[in-house]
N, C-alpha and C. Protein backbone atom coordinates (compact mmCIF):
# COMPACT_ATOMS: atom_id res chain seq x y z
N MET A 1 -3.81 -0.54 -16.10
CA MET A 1 -3.32 0.06 -14.87
C MET A 1 -4.39 1.03 -14.37
N ASN A 2 -4.68 0.98 -13.08
CA ASN A 2 -5.67 1.91 -12.55
C ASN A 2 -5.04 3.27 -12.26
N ARG A 3 -5.88 4.23 -11.98
CA ARG A 3 -5.44 5.61 -11.79
C ARG A 3 -4.44 5.75 -10.63
N ALA A 4 -4.69 5.07 -9.53
CA ALA A 4 -3.79 5.15 -8.38
C ALA A 4 -2.39 4.64 -8.73
N GLU A 5 -2.34 3.52 -9.44
CA GLU A 5 -1.04 2.97 -9.86
C GLU A 5 -0.36 3.91 -10.85
N GLU A 6 -1.14 4.49 -11.74
CA GLU A 6 -0.59 5.43 -12.72
C GLU A 6 0.06 6.62 -12.02
N LEU A 7 -0.62 7.16 -11.02
CA LEU A 7 -0.06 8.30 -10.28
C LEU A 7 1.19 7.88 -9.52
N ARG A 8 1.12 6.77 -8.82
CA ARG A 8 2.27 6.29 -8.06
C ARG A 8 3.48 6.07 -8.97
N ASN A 9 3.28 5.44 -10.10
CA ASN A 9 4.38 5.19 -11.04
C ASN A 9 4.95 6.50 -11.58
N LEU A 10 4.09 7.45 -11.89
CA LEU A 10 4.53 8.75 -12.39
C LEU A 10 5.40 9.46 -11.35
N VAL A 11 4.98 9.42 -10.09
CA VAL A 11 5.73 10.07 -9.01
C VAL A 11 7.10 9.42 -8.83
N LEU A 12 7.13 8.10 -8.75
CA LEU A 12 8.40 7.40 -8.52
C LEU A 12 9.36 7.57 -9.69
N LYS A 13 8.83 7.50 -10.92
CA LYS A 13 9.67 7.70 -12.12
C LYS A 13 10.21 9.13 -12.14
N SER A 14 9.37 10.10 -11.84
CA SER A 14 9.79 11.51 -11.86
C SER A 14 10.86 11.77 -10.82
N CYS A 15 10.72 11.19 -9.63
CA CYS A 15 11.72 11.41 -8.58
C CYS A 15 13.10 10.93 -9.02
N LYS A 16 13.15 9.85 -9.76
CA LYS A 16 14.44 9.38 -10.28
C LYS A 16 15.00 10.38 -11.30
N GLU A 17 14.12 10.91 -12.14
CA GLU A 17 14.55 11.84 -13.18
C GLU A 17 14.93 13.21 -12.61
N PHE A 18 14.38 13.57 -11.47
CA PHE A 18 14.72 14.86 -10.87
C PHE A 18 16.21 14.97 -10.56
N ALA A 19 16.85 13.84 -10.30
CA ALA A 19 18.27 13.82 -9.95
C ALA A 19 19.15 14.40 -11.06
N ALA A 20 18.67 14.36 -12.29
CA ALA A 20 19.46 14.87 -13.42
C ALA A 20 19.35 16.39 -13.58
N ILE A 21 18.51 17.02 -12.78
CA ILE A 21 18.31 18.47 -12.89
C ILE A 21 19.22 19.16 -11.88
N SER A 22 20.05 20.07 -12.35
CA SER A 22 20.99 20.78 -11.47
C SER A 22 20.24 21.84 -10.65
N SER A 23 20.89 22.28 -9.60
CA SER A 23 20.32 23.33 -8.77
C SER A 23 20.09 24.61 -9.58
N GLU A 24 21.03 24.91 -10.46
CA GLU A 24 20.86 26.09 -11.33
C GLU A 24 19.62 25.96 -12.20
N GLN A 25 19.41 24.77 -12.75
CA GLN A 25 18.24 24.54 -13.60
C GLN A 25 16.95 24.64 -12.78
N TRP A 26 16.95 24.11 -11.57
CA TRP A 26 15.77 24.19 -10.71
C TRP A 26 15.39 25.64 -10.43
N ASN A 27 16.37 26.50 -10.28
CA ASN A 27 16.14 27.88 -9.85
C ASN A 27 16.00 28.89 -10.98
N HIS A 28 16.39 28.50 -12.19
CA HIS A 28 16.39 29.44 -13.31
C HIS A 28 14.98 29.91 -13.67
N LYS A 29 14.83 31.23 -13.83
CA LYS A 29 13.57 31.83 -14.28
C LYS A 29 13.83 32.54 -15.60
N THR A 30 13.04 32.25 -16.62
CA THR A 30 13.23 32.90 -17.92
C THR A 30 12.83 34.36 -17.87
N SER A 31 11.98 34.71 -16.90
CA SER A 31 11.61 36.11 -16.65
C SER A 31 11.03 36.19 -15.25
N PRO A 32 10.93 37.38 -14.68
CA PRO A 32 10.39 37.51 -13.32
C PRO A 32 8.95 37.00 -13.19
N THR A 33 8.21 36.98 -14.29
CA THR A 33 6.80 36.57 -14.23
C THR A 33 6.58 35.08 -14.56
N HIS A 34 7.64 34.38 -15.00
CA HIS A 34 7.52 32.96 -15.31
C HIS A 34 8.05 32.13 -14.14
N TRP A 35 7.43 31.01 -13.91
CA TRP A 35 7.86 30.13 -12.82
C TRP A 35 9.13 29.37 -13.19
N SER A 36 9.99 29.18 -12.20
CA SER A 36 11.15 28.30 -12.35
C SER A 36 10.65 26.85 -12.27
N LYS A 37 11.52 25.91 -12.55
CA LYS A 37 11.16 24.49 -12.42
C LYS A 37 10.73 24.20 -10.98
N LYS A 38 11.40 24.81 -10.03
CA LYS A 38 11.06 24.60 -8.62
C LYS A 38 9.66 25.14 -8.32
N GLU A 39 9.34 26.29 -8.89
CA GLU A 39 8.01 26.87 -8.68
C GLU A 39 6.92 26.06 -9.40
N ILE A 40 7.27 25.47 -10.54
CA ILE A 40 6.31 24.59 -11.22
C ILE A 40 5.99 23.40 -10.32
N LEU A 41 7.02 22.80 -9.73
CA LEU A 41 6.79 21.69 -8.81
C LEU A 41 6.02 22.17 -7.58
N GLY A 42 6.31 23.39 -7.14
CA GLY A 42 5.55 24.00 -6.05
C GLY A 42 4.08 24.14 -6.41
N HIS A 43 3.82 24.56 -7.63
CA HIS A 43 2.44 24.65 -8.12
C HIS A 43 1.77 23.28 -8.05
N LEU A 44 2.51 22.23 -8.38
CA LEU A 44 1.95 20.89 -8.29
C LEU A 44 1.71 20.47 -6.84
N ILE A 45 2.49 21.00 -5.91
CA ILE A 45 2.22 20.79 -4.47
C ILE A 45 0.90 21.45 -4.10
N ASP A 46 0.72 22.69 -4.56
CA ASP A 46 -0.53 23.41 -4.27
C ASP A 46 -1.72 22.69 -4.89
N SER A 47 -1.54 22.20 -6.10
CA SER A 47 -2.58 21.43 -6.76
C SER A 47 -2.90 20.17 -5.94
N ALA A 48 -1.87 19.53 -5.42
CA ALA A 48 -2.06 18.34 -4.59
C ALA A 48 -2.87 18.68 -3.34
N HIS A 49 -2.53 19.77 -2.67
CA HIS A 49 -3.28 20.17 -1.47
C HIS A 49 -4.75 20.37 -1.80
N ASN A 50 -5.02 21.14 -2.83
CA ASN A 50 -6.39 21.48 -3.18
C ASN A 50 -7.16 20.27 -3.71
N ASN A 51 -6.52 19.45 -4.51
CA ASN A 51 -7.23 18.29 -5.03
C ASN A 51 -7.40 17.20 -3.99
N HIS A 52 -6.44 17.06 -3.10
CA HIS A 52 -6.62 16.10 -1.99
C HIS A 52 -7.88 16.47 -1.22
N ARG A 53 -8.04 17.75 -0.94
CA ARG A 53 -9.25 18.22 -0.25
C ARG A 53 -10.51 17.89 -1.07
N ARG A 54 -10.46 18.15 -2.36
CA ARG A 54 -11.61 17.82 -3.21
C ARG A 54 -11.91 16.32 -3.17
N PHE A 55 -10.87 15.51 -3.26
CA PHE A 55 -11.06 14.05 -3.32
C PHE A 55 -11.63 13.49 -2.02
N VAL A 56 -11.29 14.12 -0.89
CA VAL A 56 -11.82 13.67 0.40
C VAL A 56 -13.22 14.24 0.63
N VAL A 57 -13.35 15.55 0.57
CA VAL A 57 -14.62 16.22 0.90
C VAL A 57 -15.75 15.76 0.00
N THR A 58 -15.49 15.60 -1.29
CA THR A 58 -16.53 15.22 -2.24
C THR A 58 -17.14 13.86 -1.90
N GLN A 59 -16.40 13.01 -1.22
CA GLN A 59 -16.94 11.70 -0.86
C GLN A 59 -18.00 11.77 0.24
N TYR A 60 -18.01 12.85 1.02
CA TYR A 60 -19.02 12.95 2.08
C TYR A 60 -19.88 14.20 1.99
N GLU A 61 -19.52 15.14 1.11
CA GLU A 61 -20.30 16.37 0.96
C GLU A 61 -20.21 16.83 -0.48
N GLN A 62 -21.22 16.53 -1.26
CA GLN A 62 -21.19 16.88 -2.67
C GLN A 62 -21.39 18.37 -2.91
N ASN A 63 -20.86 18.81 -4.04
CA ASN A 63 -21.02 20.18 -4.55
C ASN A 63 -20.37 21.26 -3.69
N ASN A 64 -19.48 20.85 -2.81
CA ASN A 64 -18.73 21.82 -2.03
C ASN A 64 -17.86 22.63 -2.99
N LYS A 65 -17.78 23.92 -2.76
CA LYS A 65 -16.97 24.78 -3.64
C LYS A 65 -15.53 24.83 -3.10
N ILE A 66 -14.61 24.26 -3.88
CA ILE A 66 -13.20 24.22 -3.49
C ILE A 66 -12.41 24.75 -4.67
N VAL A 67 -11.95 25.98 -4.54
CA VAL A 67 -11.24 26.67 -5.62
C VAL A 67 -9.95 27.25 -5.05
N TYR A 68 -8.96 27.44 -5.90
CA TYR A 68 -7.75 28.12 -5.44
C TYR A 68 -7.17 28.98 -6.55
N ARG A 69 -6.43 29.99 -6.14
CA ARG A 69 -5.79 30.92 -7.08
C ARG A 69 -4.31 30.54 -7.14
N GLN A 70 -3.94 29.88 -8.22
CA GLN A 70 -2.63 29.25 -8.32
C GLN A 70 -1.46 30.22 -8.21
N ASP A 71 -1.54 31.38 -8.82
CA ASP A 71 -0.41 32.32 -8.74
C ASP A 71 -0.20 32.82 -7.32
N ASP A 72 -1.28 33.09 -6.62
CA ASP A 72 -1.17 33.53 -5.22
C ASP A 72 -0.56 32.43 -4.35
N TRP A 73 -0.98 31.20 -4.58
CA TRP A 73 -0.44 30.09 -3.79
C TRP A 73 1.07 29.94 -3.99
N VAL A 74 1.51 30.00 -5.24
CA VAL A 74 2.95 29.84 -5.52
C VAL A 74 3.73 30.99 -4.88
N MET A 75 3.23 32.21 -5.03
CA MET A 75 3.92 33.36 -4.47
C MET A 75 3.96 33.29 -2.93
N LEU A 76 2.82 33.00 -2.30
CA LEU A 76 2.76 33.00 -0.84
C LEU A 76 3.55 31.84 -0.22
N ASN A 77 3.64 30.73 -0.91
CA ASN A 77 4.43 29.60 -0.40
C ASN A 77 5.92 29.78 -0.64
N ASP A 78 6.28 30.69 -1.53
CA ASP A 78 7.68 31.05 -1.79
C ASP A 78 8.58 29.83 -2.03
N TYR A 79 8.16 29.00 -2.95
CA TYR A 79 8.94 27.80 -3.28
C TYR A 79 10.33 28.13 -3.79
N GLN A 80 10.47 29.29 -4.42
CA GLN A 80 11.75 29.67 -4.98
C GLN A 80 12.85 29.73 -3.91
N SER A 81 12.49 30.06 -2.69
CA SER A 81 13.50 30.17 -1.63
C SER A 81 13.74 28.85 -0.90
N MET A 82 12.98 27.82 -1.23
CA MET A 82 13.17 26.51 -0.61
C MET A 82 14.23 25.72 -1.37
N SER A 83 14.79 24.73 -0.72
CA SER A 83 15.71 23.84 -1.43
C SER A 83 14.90 22.93 -2.34
N GLU A 84 15.48 22.55 -3.47
CA GLU A 84 14.76 21.64 -4.37
C GLU A 84 14.50 20.30 -3.69
N GLU A 85 15.40 19.88 -2.79
CA GLU A 85 15.19 18.62 -2.07
C GLU A 85 13.91 18.67 -1.24
N ASP A 86 13.67 19.79 -0.57
CA ASP A 86 12.45 19.92 0.24
C ASP A 86 11.20 19.97 -0.63
N VAL A 87 11.27 20.70 -1.74
CA VAL A 87 10.12 20.78 -2.64
C VAL A 87 9.80 19.39 -3.19
N ILE A 88 10.81 18.65 -3.58
CA ILE A 88 10.60 17.29 -4.11
C ILE A 88 10.02 16.39 -3.03
N LEU A 89 10.54 16.47 -1.82
CA LEU A 89 10.06 15.63 -0.72
C LEU A 89 8.58 15.87 -0.43
N ILE A 90 8.18 17.12 -0.37
CA ILE A 90 6.77 17.47 -0.12
C ILE A 90 5.90 16.97 -1.27
N TRP A 91 6.33 17.25 -2.50
CA TRP A 91 5.56 16.83 -3.68
C TRP A 91 5.37 15.31 -3.70
N LYS A 92 6.46 14.59 -3.44
CA LYS A 92 6.40 13.12 -3.46
C LYS A 92 5.45 12.59 -2.39
N ALA A 93 5.59 13.07 -1.16
CA ALA A 93 4.76 12.57 -0.06
C ALA A 93 3.28 12.84 -0.30
N LEU A 94 2.95 14.05 -0.72
CA LEU A 94 1.55 14.39 -0.98
C LEU A 94 0.96 13.51 -2.07
N ASN A 95 1.70 13.30 -3.13
CA ASN A 95 1.16 12.53 -4.24
C ASN A 95 1.07 11.04 -3.97
N LEU A 96 1.97 10.51 -3.18
CA LEU A 96 1.83 9.11 -2.79
C LEU A 96 0.60 8.92 -1.91
N GLN A 97 0.31 9.91 -1.05
CA GLN A 97 -0.91 9.85 -0.24
C GLN A 97 -2.14 9.94 -1.13
N ILE A 98 -2.13 10.81 -2.12
CA ILE A 98 -3.25 10.93 -3.04
C ILE A 98 -3.46 9.62 -3.79
N ALA A 99 -2.39 8.96 -4.20
CA ALA A 99 -2.51 7.67 -4.88
C ALA A 99 -3.17 6.65 -3.96
N ARG A 100 -2.80 6.65 -2.68
CA ARG A 100 -3.43 5.73 -1.72
C ARG A 100 -4.92 6.04 -1.60
N LEU A 101 -5.25 7.32 -1.54
CA LEU A 101 -6.64 7.74 -1.45
C LEU A 101 -7.43 7.31 -2.68
N MET A 102 -6.86 7.56 -3.87
CA MET A 102 -7.54 7.19 -5.12
C MET A 102 -7.87 5.70 -5.14
N ALA A 103 -6.97 4.89 -4.63
CA ALA A 103 -7.16 3.44 -4.64
C ALA A 103 -8.33 3.00 -3.76
N LYS A 104 -8.71 3.83 -2.82
CA LYS A 104 -9.75 3.46 -1.84
C LYS A 104 -11.12 4.05 -2.15
N VAL A 105 -11.25 4.89 -3.17
CA VAL A 105 -12.53 5.53 -3.46
C VAL A 105 -13.50 4.48 -4.03
N PRO A 106 -14.66 4.30 -3.38
CA PRO A 106 -15.65 3.36 -3.91
C PRO A 106 -16.16 3.82 -5.29
N THR A 107 -16.40 2.88 -6.17
CA THR A 107 -16.84 3.17 -7.53
C THR A 107 -18.05 4.10 -7.55
N LEU A 108 -19.02 3.87 -6.70
CA LEU A 108 -20.22 4.70 -6.64
C LEU A 108 -19.89 6.18 -6.42
N LYS A 109 -18.90 6.44 -5.60
CA LYS A 109 -18.56 7.83 -5.25
C LYS A 109 -17.82 8.57 -6.36
N LEU A 110 -17.36 7.86 -7.37
CA LEU A 110 -16.68 8.51 -8.49
C LEU A 110 -17.61 9.44 -9.26
N GLN A 111 -18.91 9.25 -9.11
CA GLN A 111 -19.89 10.12 -9.78
C GLN A 111 -20.34 11.28 -8.91
N TYR A 112 -19.87 11.36 -7.67
CA TYR A 112 -20.17 12.50 -6.80
C TYR A 112 -19.50 13.73 -7.40
N THR A 113 -20.05 14.90 -7.11
CA THR A 113 -19.55 16.12 -7.76
C THR A 113 -19.01 17.15 -6.78
N CYS A 114 -18.09 17.96 -7.32
CA CYS A 114 -17.44 19.05 -6.59
C CYS A 114 -17.51 20.29 -7.47
N ASP A 115 -17.70 21.44 -6.85
CA ASP A 115 -17.71 22.72 -7.56
C ASP A 115 -16.30 23.29 -7.48
N THR A 116 -15.60 23.32 -8.62
CA THR A 116 -14.23 23.84 -8.63
C THR A 116 -14.21 25.36 -8.72
N GLY A 117 -15.37 25.96 -8.94
CA GLY A 117 -15.50 27.41 -8.90
C GLY A 117 -14.86 28.15 -10.06
N LYS A 118 -14.46 27.44 -11.09
CA LYS A 118 -13.79 28.11 -12.21
C LYS A 118 -14.80 28.76 -13.14
N ASP A 119 -16.00 28.22 -13.19
CA ASP A 119 -17.07 28.79 -13.98
C ASP A 119 -18.27 29.02 -13.05
N GLN A 120 -19.30 29.61 -13.60
CA GLN A 120 -20.50 29.91 -12.82
C GLN A 120 -20.99 28.69 -12.04
N GLU A 121 -21.18 27.62 -12.74
CA GLU A 121 -21.72 26.39 -12.14
C GLU A 121 -20.85 25.23 -12.59
N ASP A 122 -19.63 25.16 -12.10
CA ASP A 122 -18.65 24.20 -12.60
C ASP A 122 -18.59 22.96 -11.72
N LEU A 123 -19.59 22.09 -11.84
CA LEU A 123 -19.59 20.84 -11.09
C LEU A 123 -18.84 19.78 -11.89
N LYS A 124 -17.87 19.16 -11.25
CA LYS A 124 -17.08 18.11 -11.89
C LYS A 124 -17.21 16.84 -11.05
N THR A 125 -17.27 15.70 -11.73
CA THR A 125 -17.32 14.44 -10.99
C THR A 125 -15.94 14.14 -10.41
N LEU A 126 -15.96 13.36 -9.36
CA LEU A 126 -14.71 12.92 -8.75
C LEU A 126 -13.89 12.13 -9.76
N ASP A 127 -14.56 11.35 -10.58
CA ASP A 127 -13.88 10.58 -11.63
C ASP A 127 -13.13 11.53 -12.57
N PHE A 128 -13.80 12.57 -13.03
CA PHE A 128 -13.16 13.55 -13.92
C PHE A 128 -12.00 14.24 -13.20
N LEU A 129 -12.21 14.68 -11.97
CA LEU A 129 -11.18 15.41 -11.23
C LEU A 129 -9.92 14.57 -11.03
N MET A 130 -10.09 13.31 -10.75
CA MET A 130 -8.93 12.43 -10.53
C MET A 130 -8.17 12.20 -11.84
N SER A 131 -8.89 12.01 -12.90
CA SER A 131 -8.25 11.83 -14.20
C SER A 131 -7.54 13.12 -14.63
N ASP A 132 -8.22 14.23 -14.48
CA ASP A 132 -7.66 15.53 -14.84
C ASP A 132 -6.45 15.88 -14.00
N TYR A 133 -6.44 15.44 -12.74
CA TYR A 133 -5.31 15.69 -11.85
C TYR A 133 -4.02 15.11 -12.44
N ILE A 134 -4.10 13.89 -12.92
CA ILE A 134 -2.92 13.23 -13.50
C ILE A 134 -2.52 13.91 -14.81
N THR A 135 -3.50 14.24 -15.64
CA THR A 135 -3.22 14.94 -16.91
C THR A 135 -2.53 16.27 -16.65
N HIS A 136 -3.03 17.00 -15.67
CA HIS A 136 -2.45 18.30 -15.28
C HIS A 136 -1.00 18.12 -14.83
N MET A 137 -0.77 17.10 -14.01
CA MET A 137 0.58 16.85 -13.53
C MET A 137 1.53 16.51 -14.67
N GLU A 138 1.10 15.65 -15.57
CA GLU A 138 1.94 15.27 -16.71
C GLU A 138 2.29 16.50 -17.55
N HIS A 139 1.33 17.37 -17.75
CA HIS A 139 1.55 18.61 -18.51
C HIS A 139 2.68 19.44 -17.88
N HIS A 140 2.60 19.64 -16.58
CA HIS A 140 3.62 20.47 -15.91
C HIS A 140 4.95 19.76 -15.77
N LEU A 141 4.94 18.47 -15.61
CA LEU A 141 6.22 17.74 -15.51
C LEU A 141 6.99 17.81 -16.83
N LYS A 142 6.28 17.89 -17.94
CA LYS A 142 6.97 18.07 -19.24
C LYS A 142 7.81 19.34 -19.22
N ALA A 143 7.28 20.40 -18.62
CA ALA A 143 8.02 21.67 -18.53
C ALA A 143 9.21 21.55 -17.58
N VAL A 144 9.07 20.76 -16.54
CA VAL A 144 10.19 20.55 -15.60
C VAL A 144 11.31 19.78 -16.29
N PHE A 145 10.97 18.79 -17.09
CA PHE A 145 11.99 17.93 -17.70
C PHE A 145 12.54 18.44 -19.03
N LYS A 146 12.01 19.54 -19.55
CA LYS A 146 12.54 20.01 -20.84
C LYS A 146 13.82 20.80 -20.65
């Protein structure tokens, strides 16, 4: 299975499983500083926005610095006050678009690089970023489904 299909299948499977999570579970915070399930999914929306930009820009402009501060994004987007239906809808739509994009990236461009800005000189290939994107999502979805 290619990466695009893997992402698409993960999104569609997760959307079915989201139905088993109650509104109380979506909103519950173990402490004021920990994210609720809804905020975790919101973080994945922010990750989708930032990585979509990386996946597009890197194909025509290498080594562009595209970094984001995840806690600020979650707080400023205020996912906690949104309905879980809206958070799920946004997450699903963004990730299905990313899967379509992944399917269209020419093999040659997978070696193009982007500066994620996490380290002094943190250049990552598009191939690595796309693979890591799915790994990152799986990691956070485990917390949503536990």
